[in-house]
Amino acid sequence: MSKSTSLYLRLPNWIGDVCMALPSLDALMRTGAPVVVCARPWAKDLLAAYKLAGFIPMKGRLLEDRNAVREHRRSAGLGKSYGLLLPDSLSSALVFVLAGIPSAGYKDDGRSLLLRWPFAKPGRHLHAVESWYWLTSRALGRWGYGAPSSSPPPHLQLPITSRFEQEGYSVVREAGLQPNDFILIAPTATGLHRGKVKVWPHYDALTRELQSKGVKVIMCPPPSEVEAARKNAPTATLLPPVSLPAFVTLARLSGLVVCNDSGVSHLAAAAGARQLTLFGVTDRDRTGPWSPAAVCMGSSTAWPNLQDVLNQVLQLAPPNRH
C-alpha cells in the first residue's frame, strides 16, 4: 500500500473506550500516513494535541454521518483511503461503506459482508486495549505497513495542548490548591451495567474520614453529574466543570484519583495519575485502567468495604503529604 493512503479511524463512543483506543491511534500515527479520526464531537478536544489530517464528528445518525465522511473525503483531497473500525456495530461499518471507504474490523453483528478485511476476535480473553490493538496490528499488516509490536505499551499516553493544560492549572489555583495537595474523587458513573449501579456506595463516608485527617477531597464532575456527585459526597469540595483534557491535567495534578470503573478511571490512566479504581459490577480484566500507576479493588460481584478502601487510600496518599 502506498504511504499516501489516508487512514480513517472510527473510534468507540464512550470516553473510557476512546482512552483505551489510544495505543491503536498511536500505531496509526506512527505509519506517517494521514490519519482522520471519526468520533463523537467531545473527542475533538480530548485529541487536540494529535497532528491529525482531520476530525469528523459522528452524531450517531447514519445518513448524516455518511454525508460527513463523504464530504470530508471530497474536500480534503486525501486520495485513496482505508478505514479501521474499532466499534463492533453494524452502523459504523455502514457509514464507511456508504462513504466509499473499504474497511477493516471485527466481523461481529453480521458485518462480514460490509468489511473488506473482516477479522475474527482472538479466542483468548483480552483486555479492551489489547483487543483493539490486536485488530489495529492485523489491519496495518494487511495494508502493507508491517505490524507494530505484538502487544500494546503498558500504559496510555495522552498528549495535552498548552491551552487545556493551563485550564487545568487555573482551576487548581483558583480553588487554593497545590499540585499533589488533594485527592480527586469521582463519585458518579453514568448508566447501569447489567441492571446494576456502577457507583461504589461509600464515597460520603470515605470523604468525611479523610477530611477528619486533614486531607483535601475535591470532585469535578461534568454538569450532567453535579447533582449526583453532591448527593454521593456532599462534603467534598466541588470544582466548576472543565473540559475533558483539562480534567486529565487535573487528575495529573492530584495526589490520588479515587473512582469507579468509569470514564474517569481511563482518563486518569491516560494522565499517568496515581489512582485507586473500585469495582463491584464490572470485570477489571476487561475494562480496568491500563496503567502501572493504578490500584484496583473489588470484583465483578462485590464492592470493597469502606475500611479497606480507606486503608488503601491512606497508604497511597498519606495525610502528611497534604
C-alpha atoms as a PDB file:
ATOM      1  CA  MET A   1       0.000   0.000   0.000  1.00  0.00           C
ATOM      2  CA  SER A   2       1.214   3.486  -0.848  1.00  0.00           C
ATOM      3  CA  LYS A   3       2.259   5.632   2.083  1.00  0.00           C
ATOM      4  CA  SER A   4      -0.019   8.332   0.649  1.00  0.00           C
ATOM      5  CA  THR A   5      -3.102   6.304   1.505  1.00  0.00           C
ATOM      6  CA  SER A   6      -5.141   8.056   4.168  1.00  0.00           C
ATOM      7  CA  LEU A   7      -6.417   6.109   7.175  1.00  0.00           C
ATOM      8  CA  TYR A   8      -9.876   6.797   8.589  1.00  0.00           C
ATOM      9  CA  LEU A   9     -10.230   5.589  12.177  1.00  0.00           C
ATOM     10  CA  ARG A  10     -13.665   5.132  13.722  1.00  0.00           C
ATOM     11  CA  LEU A  11     -13.255   5.385  17.483  1.00  0.00           C
ATOM     12  CA  PRO A  12     -15.710   3.987  20.059  1.00  0.00           C
ATOM     13  CA  ASN A  13     -18.460   6.183  21.504  1.00  0.00           C
ATOM     14  CA  TRP A  14     -17.545   6.265  25.202  1.00  0.00           C
ATOM     15  CA  ILE A  15     -14.873   8.345  26.936  1.00  0.00           C
ATOM     16  CA  GLY A  16     -13.218   5.385  28.612  1.00  0.00           C
ATOM     17  CA  ASP A  17     -13.199   3.411  25.365  1.00  0.00           C
ATOM     18  CA  VAL A  18     -11.563   6.271  23.466  1.00  0.00           C
ATOM     19  CA  CYS A  19      -8.834   6.356  26.107  1.00  0.00           C
ATOM     20  CA  MET A  20      -8.341   2.600  25.781  1.00  0.00           C
ATOM     21  CA  ALA A  21      -8.076   3.026  21.997  1.00  0.00           C
ATOM     22  CA  LEU A  22      -5.137   5.455  22.283  1.00  0.00           C
ATOM     23  CA  PRO A  23      -2.477   2.779  21.606  1.00  0.00           C
ATOM     24  CA  SER A  24      -4.316   1.932  18.391  1.00  0.00           C
ATOM     25  CA  LEU A  25      -4.407   5.586  17.359  1.00  0.00           C
ATOM     26  CA  ASP A  26      -0.715   5.921  18.177  1.00  0.00           C
ATOM     27  CA  ALA A  27       0.068   2.906  15.989  1.00  0.00           C
ATOM     28  CA  LEU A  28      -1.743   4.510  13.039  1.00  0.00           C
ATOM     29  CA  MET A  29       0.034   7.825  13.609  1.00  0.00           C
ATOM     30  CA  ARG A  30       3.437   6.112  13.522  1.00  0.00           C
ATOM     31  CA  THR A  31       2.813   4.946   9.952  1.00  0.00           C
ATOM     32  CA  GLY A  32       3.251   8.523   8.733  1.00  0.00           C
ATOM     33  CA  ALA A  33       0.029   8.253   6.715  1.00  0.00           C
ATOM     34  CA  PRO A  34      -2.623  10.969   7.048  1.00  0.00           C
ATOM     35  CA  VAL A  35      -4.952   9.872   9.858  1.00  0.00           C
ATOM     36  CA  VAL A  36      -8.548  11.102  10.069  1.00  0.00           C
ATOM     37  CA  VAL A  37     -10.467  10.381  13.271  1.00  0.00           C
ATOM     38  CA  CYS A  38     -14.223   9.816  13.233  1.00  0.00           C
ATOM     39  CA  ALA A  39     -15.640  10.057  16.760  1.00  0.00           C
ATOM     40  CA  ARG A  40     -18.205  11.706  18.998  1.00  0.00           C
ATOM     41  CA  PRO A  41     -17.875  15.523  18.978  1.00  0.00           C
ATOM     42  CA  TRP A  42     -16.426  15.705  22.519  1.00  0.00           C
ATOM     43  CA  ALA A  43     -13.391  13.682  21.430  1.00  0.00           C
ATOM     44  CA  LYS A  44     -12.088  16.572  19.321  1.00  0.00           C
ATOM     45  CA  ASP A  45     -10.810  18.494  22.353  1.00  0.00           C
ATOM     46  CA  LEU A  46      -9.517  15.342  24.008  1.00  0.00           C
ATOM     47  CA  LEU A  47      -7.379  14.560  20.929  1.00  0.00           C
ATOM     48  CA  ALA A  48      -6.472  18.161  20.106  1.00  0.00           C
ATOM     49  CA  ALA A  49      -2.719  17.592  20.575  1.00  0.00           C
ATOM     50  CA  TYR A  50      -2.615  14.913  17.871  1.00  0.00           C
ATOM     51  CA  LYS A  51      -1.500  16.067  14.425  1.00  0.00           C
ATOM     52  CA  LEU A  52      -4.499  14.610  12.649  1.00  0.00           C
ATOM     53  CA  ALA A  53      -5.352  15.077   8.995  1.00  0.00           C
ATOM     54  CA  GLY A  54      -8.926  15.695  10.094  1.00  0.00           C
ATOM     55  CA  PHE A  55     -11.579  15.107  12.718  1.00  0.00           C
ATOM     56  CA  ILE A  56     -15.123  14.195  11.700  1.00  0.00           C
ATOM     57  CA  PRO A  57     -17.773  14.400  14.443  1.00  0.00           C
ATOM     58  CA  MET A  58     -20.062  11.379  14.491  1.00  0.00           C
ATOM     59  CA  LYS A  59     -23.637  12.134  15.595  1.00  0.00           C
ATOM     60  CA  GLY A  60     -24.982   8.568  15.603  1.00  0.00           C
ATOM     61  CA  ARG A  61     -27.312   9.232  12.653  1.00  0.00           C
ATOM     62  CA  LEU A  62     -26.433   7.002   9.706  1.00  0.00           C
ATOM     63  CA  LEU A  63     -27.058   9.273   6.733  1.00  0.00           C
ATOM     64  CA  GLU A  64     -25.744  12.376   8.458  1.00  0.00           C
ATOM     65  CA  ASP A  65     -22.553  10.579   9.457  1.00  0.00           C
ATOM     66  CA  ARG A  66     -22.166   9.071   5.980  1.00  0.00           C
ATOM     67  CA  ASN A  67     -22.501  12.519   4.431  1.00  0.00           C
ATOM     68  CA  ALA A  68     -19.934  13.996   6.839  1.00  0.00           C
ATOM     69  CA  VAL A  69     -17.361  11.324   5.974  1.00  0.00           C
ATOM     70  CA  ARG A  70     -18.057  11.552   2.253  1.00  0.00           C
ATOM     71  CA  GLU A  71     -17.797  15.364   2.266  1.00  0.00           C
ATOM     72  CA  HIS A  72     -14.513  15.230   4.166  1.00  0.00           C
ATOM     73  CA  ARG A  73     -13.057  12.831   1.630  1.00  0.00           C
ATOM     74  CA  ARG A  74     -14.165  15.092  -1.193  1.00  0.00           C
ATOM     75  CA  SER A  75     -12.931  18.365   0.306  1.00  0.00           C
ATOM     76  CA  ALA A  76      -9.706  17.132   1.921  1.00  0.00           C
ATOM     77  CA  GLY A  77      -8.362  15.589  -1.270  1.00  0.00           C
ATOM     78  CA  LEU A  78      -6.530  12.826   0.605  1.00  0.00           C
ATOM     79  CA  GLY A  79      -6.857  10.354  -2.251  1.00  0.00           C
ATOM     80  CA  LYS A  80      -7.099   6.639  -1.591  1.00  0.00           C
ATOM     81  CA  SER A  81      -8.499   5.802   1.839  1.00  0.00           C
ATOM     82  CA  TYR A  82      -8.747   2.777   4.090  1.00  0.00           C
ATOM     83  CA  GLY A  83     -10.821   2.550   7.245  1.00  0.00           C
ATOM     84  CA  LEU A  84     -10.345   0.913  10.638  1.00  0.00           C
ATOM     85  CA  LEU A  85     -13.477   0.304  12.696  1.00  0.00           C
ATOM     86  CA  LEU A  86     -12.967  -0.212  16.431  1.00  0.00           C
ATOM     87  CA  PRO A  87     -16.700  -0.342  17.333  1.00  0.00           C
ATOM     88  CA  ASP A  88     -18.454  -3.637  16.613  1.00  0.00           C
ATOM     89  CA  SER A  89     -21.684  -2.013  15.454  1.00  0.00           C
ATOM     90  CA  LEU A  90     -23.327  -2.588  12.119  1.00  0.00           C
ATOM     91  CA  SER A  91     -23.986   1.156  11.761  1.00  0.00           C
ATOM     92  CA  SER A  92     -20.309   2.108  11.997  1.00  0.00           C
ATOM     93  CA  ALA A  93     -19.487  -0.300   9.170  1.00  0.00           C
ATOM     94  CA  LEU A  94     -22.380   1.022   7.078  1.00  0.00           C
ATOM     95  CA  VAL A  95     -21.172   4.623   7.407  1.00  0.00           C
ATOM     96  CA  PHE A  96     -17.773   3.782   5.915  1.00  0.00           C
ATOM     97  CA  VAL A  97     -19.193   1.517   3.210  1.00  0.00           C
ATOM     98  CA  LEU A  98     -21.685   4.159   2.092  1.00  0.00           C
ATOM     99  CA  ALA A  99     -18.937   6.795   2.144  1.00  0.00           C
ATOM    100  CA  GLY A 100     -16.793   4.635  -0.140  1.00  0.00           C
ATOM    101  CA  ILE A 101     -14.117   3.601   2.363  1.00  0.00           C
ATOM    102  CA  PRO A 102     -13.062  -0.075   2.374  1.00  0.00           C
ATOM    103  CA  SER A 103     -12.553  -1.046   5.978  1.00  0.00           C
ATOM    104  CA  ALA A 104     -11.095  -3.487   8.464  1.00  0.00           C
ATOM    105  CA  GLY A 105     -12.869  -4.508  11.644  1.00  0.00           C
ATOM    106  CA  TYR A 106     -14.168  -7.338  13.749  1.00  0.00           C
ATOM    107  CA  LYS A 107     -16.874  -9.321  11.985  1.00  0.00           C
ATOM    108  CA  ASP A 108     -19.363  -9.221  14.855  1.00  0.00           C
ATOM    109  CA  ASP A 109     -23.014  -8.301  14.390  1.00  0.00           C
ATOM    110  CA  GLY A 110     -23.171  -9.805  10.884  1.00  0.00           C
ATOM    111  CA  ARG A 111     -20.740  -7.260   9.424  1.00  0.00           C
ATOM    112  CA  SER A 112     -18.586  -9.576   7.312  1.00  0.00           C
ATOM    113  CA  LEU A 113     -20.183  -8.521   4.019  1.00  0.00           C
ATOM    114  CA  LEU A 114     -19.560  -4.859   4.829  1.00  0.00           C
ATOM    115  CA  LEU A 115     -15.862  -5.256   5.607  1.00  0.00           C
ATOM    116  CA  ARG A 116     -13.056  -5.551   3.076  1.00  0.00           C
ATOM    117  CA  TRP A 117     -10.861  -7.024   5.806  1.00  0.00           C
ATOM    118  CA  PRO A 118     -13.019  -8.871   8.369  1.00  0.00           C
ATOM    119  CA  PHE A 119     -11.209 -10.341  11.371  1.00  0.00           C
ATOM    120  CA  ALA A 120     -12.471 -12.859  13.899  1.00  0.00           C
ATOM    121  CA  LYS A 121     -11.837 -11.862  17.504  1.00  0.00           C
ATOM    122  CA  PRO A 122      -8.969 -13.693  19.192  1.00  0.00           C
ATOM    123  CA  GLY A 123     -10.101 -16.768  21.064  1.00  0.00           C
ATOM    124  CA  ARG A 124      -8.338 -15.800  24.268  1.00  0.00           C
ATOM    125  CA  HIS A 125      -9.751 -13.297  26.763  1.00  0.00           C
ATOM    126  CA  LEU A 126      -8.216  -9.885  26.118  1.00  0.00           C
ATOM    127  CA  HIS A 127      -8.418  -6.502  27.775  1.00  0.00           C
ATOM    128  CA  ALA A 128     -10.154  -3.916  25.569  1.00  0.00           C
ATOM    129  CA  VAL A 129      -6.802  -2.174  24.976  1.00  0.00           C
ATOM    130  CA  GLU A 130      -5.279  -5.446  23.788  1.00  0.00           C
ATOM    131  CA  SER A 131      -8.280  -6.376  21.645  1.00  0.00           C
ATOM    132  CA  TRP A 132      -8.329  -3.103  19.723  1.00  0.00           C
ATOM    133  CA  TYR A 133      -4.539  -3.074  19.413  1.00  0.00           C
ATOM    134  CA  TRP A 134      -4.613  -6.642  18.055  1.00  0.00           C
ATOM    135  CA  LEU A 135      -7.131  -5.570  15.409  1.00  0.00           C
ATOM    136  CA  THR A 136      -5.081  -2.490  14.536  1.00  0.00           C
ATOM    137  CA  SER A 137      -1.911  -4.553  14.227  1.00  0.00           C
ATOM    138  CA  ARG A 138      -3.567  -7.043  11.886  1.00  0.00           C
ATOM    139  CA  ALA A 139      -5.062  -4.308   9.718  1.00  0.00           C
ATOM    140  CA  LEU A 140      -1.743  -2.483   9.362  1.00  0.00           C
ATOM    141  CA  GLY A 141      -0.037  -5.718   8.442  1.00  0.00           C
ATOM    142  CA  ARG A 142      -2.687  -6.470   5.810  1.00  0.00           C
ATOM    143  CA  TRP A 143      -2.293  -2.961   4.390  1.00  0.00           C
ATOM    144  CA  GLY A 144       1.445  -3.381   3.933  1.00  0.00           C
ATOM    145  CA  TYR A 145       2.710  -1.189   6.731  1.00  0.00           C
ATOM    146  CA  GLY A 146       4.118  -4.059   8.731  1.00  0.00           C
ATOM    147  CA  ALA A 147       2.528  -4.916  12.036  1.00  0.00           C
ATOM    148  CA  PRO A 148       3.643  -2.943  15.113  1.00  0.00           C
ATOM    149  CA  SER A 149       4.790  -4.752  18.244  1.00  0.00           C
ATOM    150  CA  SER A 150       2.548  -7.652  19.159  1.00  0.00           C
ATOM    151  CA  SER A 151       1.461  -6.093  22.465  1.00  0.00           C
ATOM    152  CA  PRO A 152       0.412  -2.535  23.326  1.00  0.00           C
ATOM    153  CA  PRO A 153       2.638  -0.480  25.629  1.00  0.00           C
ATOM    154  CA  PRO A 154       1.962  -0.989  29.361  1.00  0.00           C
ATOM    155  CA  HIS A 155       0.491   2.479  29.774  1.00  0.00           C
ATOM    156  CA  LEU A 156      -1.599   5.042  27.917  1.00  0.00           C
ATOM    157  CA  GLN A 157      -0.147   8.333  26.724  1.00  0.00           C
ATOM    158  CA  LEU A 158      -2.440  11.272  26.008  1.00  0.00           C
ATOM    159  CA  PRO A 159      -0.727  14.494  24.951  1.00  0.00           C
ATOM    160  CA  ILE A 160      -2.488  17.678  26.086  1.00  0.00           C
ATOM    161  CA  THR A 161      -2.204  21.088  24.411  1.00  0.00           C
ATOM    162  CA  SER A 162      -0.907  24.023  26.453  1.00  0.00           C
ATOM    163  CA  ARG A 163      -4.345  25.658  26.290  1.00  0.00           C
ATOM    164  CA  PHE A 164      -6.032  22.797  28.122  1.00  0.00           C
ATOM    165  CA  GLU A 165      -3.117  22.294  30.496  1.00  0.00           C
ATOM    166  CA  GLN A 166      -3.476  25.921  31.518  1.00  0.00           C
ATOM    167  CA  GLU A 167      -7.200  25.408  32.094  1.00  0.00           C
ATOM    168  CA  GLY A 168      -6.429  22.549  34.465  1.00  0.00           C
ATOM    169  CA  TYR A 169      -3.767  24.508  36.355  1.00  0.00           C
ATOM    170  CA  SER A 170      -6.078  27.504  36.623  1.00  0.00           C
ATOM    171  CA  VAL A 171      -8.925  25.610  38.272  1.00  0.00           C
ATOM    172  CA  VAL A 172      -6.469  24.203  40.823  1.00  0.00           C
ATOM    173  CA  ARG A 173      -5.037  27.647  41.633  1.00  0.00           C
ATOM    174  CA  GLU A 174      -8.463  29.269  41.864  1.00  0.00           C
ATOM    175  CA  ALA A 175      -9.509  26.620  44.388  1.00  0.00           C
ATOM    176  CA  GLY A 176      -6.478  27.479  46.539  1.00  0.00           C
ATOM    177  CA  LEU A 177      -4.887  24.085  45.914  1.00  0.00           C
ATOM    178  CA  GLN A 178      -1.349  22.981  45.125  1.00  0.00           C
ATOM    179  CA  PRO A 179      -0.239  20.029  42.983  1.00  0.00           C
ATOM    180  CA  ASN A 180      -0.315  16.732  44.935  1.00  0.00           C
ATOM    181  CA  ASP A 181      -2.106  18.564  47.754  1.00  0.00           C
ATOM    182  CA  PHE A 182      -5.524  16.969  47.240  1.00  0.00           C
ATOM    183  CA  ILE A 183      -7.387  13.759  46.443  1.00  0.00           C
ATOM    184  CA  LEU A 184      -9.698  13.832  43.448  1.00  0.00           C
ATOM    185  CA  ILE A 185     -12.773  11.641  43.795  1.00  0.00           C
ATOM    186  CA  ALA A 186     -15.294  10.774  41.100  1.00  0.00           C
ATOM    187  CA  PRO A 187     -18.389   9.547  42.967  1.00  0.00           C
ATOM    188  CA  THR A 188     -20.536   9.074  39.848  1.00  0.00           C
ATOM    189  CA  ALA A 189     -20.799   6.767  36.842  1.00  0.00           C
ATOM    190  CA  THR A 190     -23.371   7.035  34.088  1.00  0.00           C
ATOM    191  CA  GLY A 191     -25.768   4.227  33.241  1.00  0.00           C
ATOM    192  CA  LEU A 192     -26.096   0.723  34.605  1.00  0.00           C
ATOM    193  CA  HIS A 193     -24.128  -2.445  33.971  1.00  0.00           C
ATOM    194  CA  ARG A 194     -26.492  -5.375  33.511  1.00  0.00           C
ATOM    195  CA  GLY A 195     -29.035  -3.531  35.612  1.00  0.00           C
ATOM    196  CA  LYS A 196     -26.602  -2.771  38.431  1.00  0.00           C
ATOM    197  CA  VAL A 197     -25.373   0.616  39.682  1.00  0.00           C
ATOM    198  CA  LYS A 198     -21.694   1.205  38.876  1.00  0.00           C
ATOM    199  CA  VAL A 199     -21.010   3.594  41.791  1.00  0.00           C
ATOM    200  CA  TRP A 200     -19.257   2.468  44.986  1.00  0.00           C
ATOM    201  CA  PRO A 201     -21.751   3.242  47.808  1.00  0.00           C
ATOM    202  CA  HIS A 202     -19.407   4.746  50.443  1.00  0.00           C
ATOM    203  CA  TYR A 203     -17.969   7.949  48.945  1.00  0.00           C
ATOM    204  CA  ASP A 204     -19.658  10.137  51.569  1.00  0.00           C
ATOM    205  CA  ALA A 205     -18.205   8.175  54.484  1.00  0.00           C
ATOM    206  CA  LEU A 206     -14.782   7.966  52.832  1.00  0.00           C
ATOM    207  CA  THR A 207     -14.725  11.719  52.224  1.00  0.00           C
ATOM    208  CA  ARG A 208     -15.623  12.514  55.828  1.00  0.00           C
ATOM    209  CA  GLU A 209     -12.995  10.107  57.181  1.00  0.00           C
ATOM    210  CA  LEU A 210     -10.308  11.663  55.000  1.00  0.00           C
ATOM    211  CA  GLN A 211     -11.356  15.218  55.873  1.00  0.00           C
ATOM    212  CA  SER A 212     -11.153  14.345  59.583  1.00  0.00           C
ATOM    213  CA  LYS A 213      -7.486  13.513  58.959  1.00  0.00           C
ATOM    214  CA  GLY A 214      -6.837  16.827  57.216  1.00  0.00           C
ATOM    215  CA  VAL A 215      -6.995  15.515  53.660  1.00  0.00           C
ATOM    216  CA  LYS A 216      -8.402  17.833  50.987  1.00  0.00           C
ATOM    217  CA  VAL A 217     -11.001  15.996  48.927  1.00  0.00           C
ATOM    218  CA  ILE A 218     -12.281  17.533  45.701  1.00  0.00           C
ATOM    219  CA  MET A 219     -14.510  16.495  42.825  1.00  0.00           C
ATOM    220  CA  CYS A 220     -15.054  17.950  39.372  1.00  0.00           C
ATOM    221  CA  PRO A 221     -17.992  16.228  37.657  1.00  0.00           C
ATOM    222  CA  PRO A 222     -19.467  17.279  34.308  1.00  0.00           C
ATOM    223  CA  PRO A 223     -22.599  19.462  34.515  1.00  0.00           C
ATOM    224  CA  SER A 224     -24.915  16.487  33.973  1.00  0.00           C
ATOM    225  CA  GLU A 225     -23.487  14.697  37.024  1.00  0.00           C
ATOM    226  CA  VAL A 226     -23.181  17.569  39.512  1.00  0.00           C
ATOM    227  CA  GLU A 227     -26.418  16.736  41.329  1.00  0.00           C
ATOM    228  CA  ALA A 228     -25.473  13.065  41.724  1.00  0.00           C
ATOM    229  CA  ALA A 229     -21.975  13.988  42.875  1.00  0.00           C
ATOM    230  CA  ARG A 230     -23.340  16.320  45.534  1.00  0.00           C
ATOM    231  CA  LYS A 231     -25.668  13.592  46.750  1.00  0.00           C
ATOM    232  CA  ASN A 232     -22.957  10.947  46.896  1.00  0.00           C
ATOM    233  CA  ALA A 233     -20.254  13.120  48.521  1.00  0.00           C
ATOM    234  CA  PRO A 234     -21.890  16.271  49.944  1.00  0.00           C
ATOM    235  CA  THR A 235     -18.860  17.484  51.929  1.00  0.00           C
ATOM    236  CA  ALA A 236     -16.295  17.190  49.115  1.00  0.00           C
ATOM    237  CA  THR A 237     -15.140  20.449  47.553  1.00  0.00           C
ATOM    238  CA  LEU A 238     -16.943  20.879  44.236  1.00  0.00           C
ATOM    239  CA  LEU A 239     -14.896  22.464  41.458  1.00  0.00           C
ATOM    240  CA  PRO A 240     -16.531  24.022  38.390  1.00  0.00           C
ATOM    241  CA  PRO A 241     -16.794  21.735  35.341  1.00  0.00           C
ATOM    242  CA  VAL A 242     -13.832  21.732  32.979  1.00  0.00           C
ATOM    243  CA  SER A 243     -13.112  20.356  29.526  1.00  0.00           C
ATOM    244  CA  LEU A 244     -12.069  16.712  29.206  1.00  0.00           C
ATOM    245  CA  PRO A 245      -8.381  17.434  28.505  1.00  0.00           C
ATOM    246  CA  ALA A 246      -8.303  19.927  31.405  1.00  0.00           C
ATOM    247  CA  PHE A 247      -9.720  17.171  33.615  1.00  0.00           C
ATOM    248  CA  VAL A 248      -6.816  14.957  32.512  1.00  0.00           C
ATOM    249  CA  THR A 249      -4.475  17.694  33.735  1.00  0.00           C
ATOM    250  CA  LEU A 250      -6.432  17.925  36.993  1.00  0.00           C
ATOM    251  CA  ALA A 251      -6.003  14.175  37.507  1.00  0.00           C
ATOM    252  CA  ARG A 252      -2.280  14.502  36.825  1.00  0.00           C
ATOM    253  CA  LEU A 253      -2.005  17.258  39.439  1.00  0.00           C
ATOM    254  CA  SER A 254      -3.831  15.297  42.138  1.00  0.00           C
ATOM    255  CA  GLY A 255      -2.142  13.212  44.801  1.00  0.00           C
ATOM    256  CA  LEU A 256      -4.576  10.386  44.055  1.00  0.00           C
ATOM    257  CA  VAL A 257      -7.700   9.754  41.986  1.00  0.00           C
ATOM    258  CA  VAL A 258     -10.384   7.573  43.602  1.00  0.00           C
ATOM    259  CA  CYS A 259     -13.043   6.465  41.136  1.00  0.00           C
ATOM    260  CA  ASN A 260     -15.321   3.735  39.862  1.00  0.00           C
ATOM    261  CA  ASP A 261     -14.676   1.683  36.751  1.00  0.00           C
ATOM    262  CA  SER A 262     -15.795   4.567  34.541  1.00  0.00           C
ATOM    263  CA  GLY A 263     -14.530   7.130  32.086  1.00  0.00           C
ATOM    264  CA  VAL A 264     -12.674   8.887  34.912  1.00  0.00           C
ATOM    265  CA  SER A 265     -10.595   5.770  35.579  1.00  0.00           C
ATOM    266  CA  HIS A 266      -9.411   5.746  31.972  1.00  0.00           C
ATOM    267  CA  LEU A 267      -8.828   9.499  31.850  1.00  0.00           C
ATOM    268  CA  ALA A 268      -6.661   9.102  34.960  1.00  0.00           C
ATOM    269  CA  ALA A 269      -4.805   6.260  33.268  1.00  0.00           C
ATOM    270  CA  ALA A 270      -4.264   8.455  30.196  1.00  0.00           C
ATOM    271  CA  ALA A 271      -2.877  11.117  32.545  1.00  0.00           C
ATOM    272  CA  GLY A 272      -0.479   8.670  34.171  1.00  0.00           C
ATOM    273  CA  ALA A 273      -2.029   9.654  37.506  1.00  0.00           C
ATOM    274  CA  ARG A 274      -1.878   7.563  40.655  1.00  0.00           C
ATOM    275  CA  GLN A 275      -5.344   6.084  41.007  1.00  0.00           C
ATOM    276  CA  LEU A 276      -7.487   3.719  43.039  1.00  0.00           C
ATOM    277  CA  THR A 277     -10.288   2.215  40.955  1.00  0.00           C
ATOM    278  CA  LEU A 278     -13.182   0.472  42.693  1.00  0.00           C
ATOM    279  CA  PHE A 279     -15.047  -2.458  41.145  1.00  0.00           C
ATOM    280  CA  GLY A 280     -18.347  -4.011  42.134  1.00  0.00           C
ATOM    281  CA  VAL A 281     -20.189  -4.986  38.949  1.00  0.00           C
ATOM    282  CA  THR A 282     -17.685  -4.875  36.052  1.00  0.00           C
ATOM    283  CA  ASP A 283     -14.701  -7.015  35.010  1.00  0.00           C
ATOM    284  CA  ARG A 284     -11.350  -5.408  35.780  1.00  0.00           C
ATOM    285  CA  ASP A 285      -9.574  -7.824  33.420  1.00  0.00           C
ATOM    286  CA  ARG A 286     -11.634  -6.486  30.521  1.00  0.00           C
ATOM    287  CA  THR A 287     -12.095  -2.796  31.321  1.00  0.00           C
ATOM    288  CA  GLY A 288      -9.756  -1.967  34.201  1.00  0.00           C
ATOM    289  CA  PRO A 289      -7.402   1.027  33.942  1.00  0.00           C
ATOM    290  CA  TRP A 290      -4.467   0.348  31.615  1.00  0.00           C
ATOM    291  CA  SER A 291      -1.823   1.844  33.848  1.00  0.00           C
ATOM    292  CA  PRO A 292       1.024   0.677  36.100  1.00  0.00           C
ATOM    293  CA  ALA A 293       0.077   3.549  38.439  1.00  0.00           C
ATOM    294  CA  ALA A 294      -3.401   2.098  39.087  1.00  0.00           C
ATOM    295  CA  VAL A 295      -4.503   0.013  42.069  1.00  0.00           C
ATOM    296  CA  CYS A 296      -7.778  -1.894  41.706  1.00  0.00           C
ATOM    297  CA  MET A 297     -10.049  -3.139  44.491  1.00  0.00           C
ATOM    298  CA  GLY A 298     -13.220  -5.201  44.356  1.00  0.00           C
ATOM    299  CA  SER A 299     -14.539  -7.581  41.735  1.00  0.00           C
ATOM    300  CA  SER A 300     -17.378  -8.029  39.284  1.00  0.00           C
ATOM    301  CA  THR A 301     -19.530  -9.460  42.082  1.00  0.00           C
ATOM    302  CA  ALA A 302     -18.590  -7.475  45.219  1.00  0.00           C
ATOM    303  CA  TRP A 303     -17.578  -3.929  46.128  1.00  0.00           C
ATOM    304  CA  PRO A 304     -14.677  -3.441  48.556  1.00  0.00           C
ATOM    305  CA  ASN A 305     -15.680  -2.326  52.054  1.00  0.00           C
ATOM    306  CA  LEU A 306     -15.140   1.162  53.432  1.00  0.00           C
ATOM    307  CA  GLN A 307     -12.349   0.315  55.852  1.00  0.00           C
ATOM    308  CA  ASP A 308     -10.262  -1.499  53.259  1.00  0.00           C
ATOM    309  CA  VAL A 309     -10.635   1.371  50.794  1.00  0.00           C
ATOM    310  CA  LEU A 310      -9.761   3.940  53.470  1.00  0.00           C
ATOM    311  CA  ASN A 311      -6.639   1.988  54.430  1.00  0.00           C
ATOM    312  CA  GLN A 312      -5.580   1.765  50.788  1.00  0.00           C
ATOM    313  CA  VAL A 313      -6.156   5.489  50.194  1.00  0.00           C
ATOM    314  CA  LEU A 314      -4.077   6.396  53.249  1.00  0.00           C
ATOM    315  CA  GLN A 315      -1.325   4.096  52.059  1.00  0.00           C
ATOM    316  CA  LEU A 316      -1.285   5.613  48.573  1.00  0.00           C
ATOM    317  CA  ALA A 317      -1.714   9.237  49.725  1.00  0.00           C
ATOM    318  CA  PRO A 318      -0.920   9.561  53.448  1.00  0.00           C
ATOM    319  CA  PRO A 319      -2.198  12.729  55.184  1.00  0.00           C
ATOM    320  CA  ASN A 320       1.258  14.080  55.873  1.00  0.00           C
ATOM    321  CA  ARG A 321       1.689  14.628  52.153  1.00  0.00           C
ATOM    322  CA  HIS A 322      -1.142  17.217  52.057  1.00  0.00           C
END
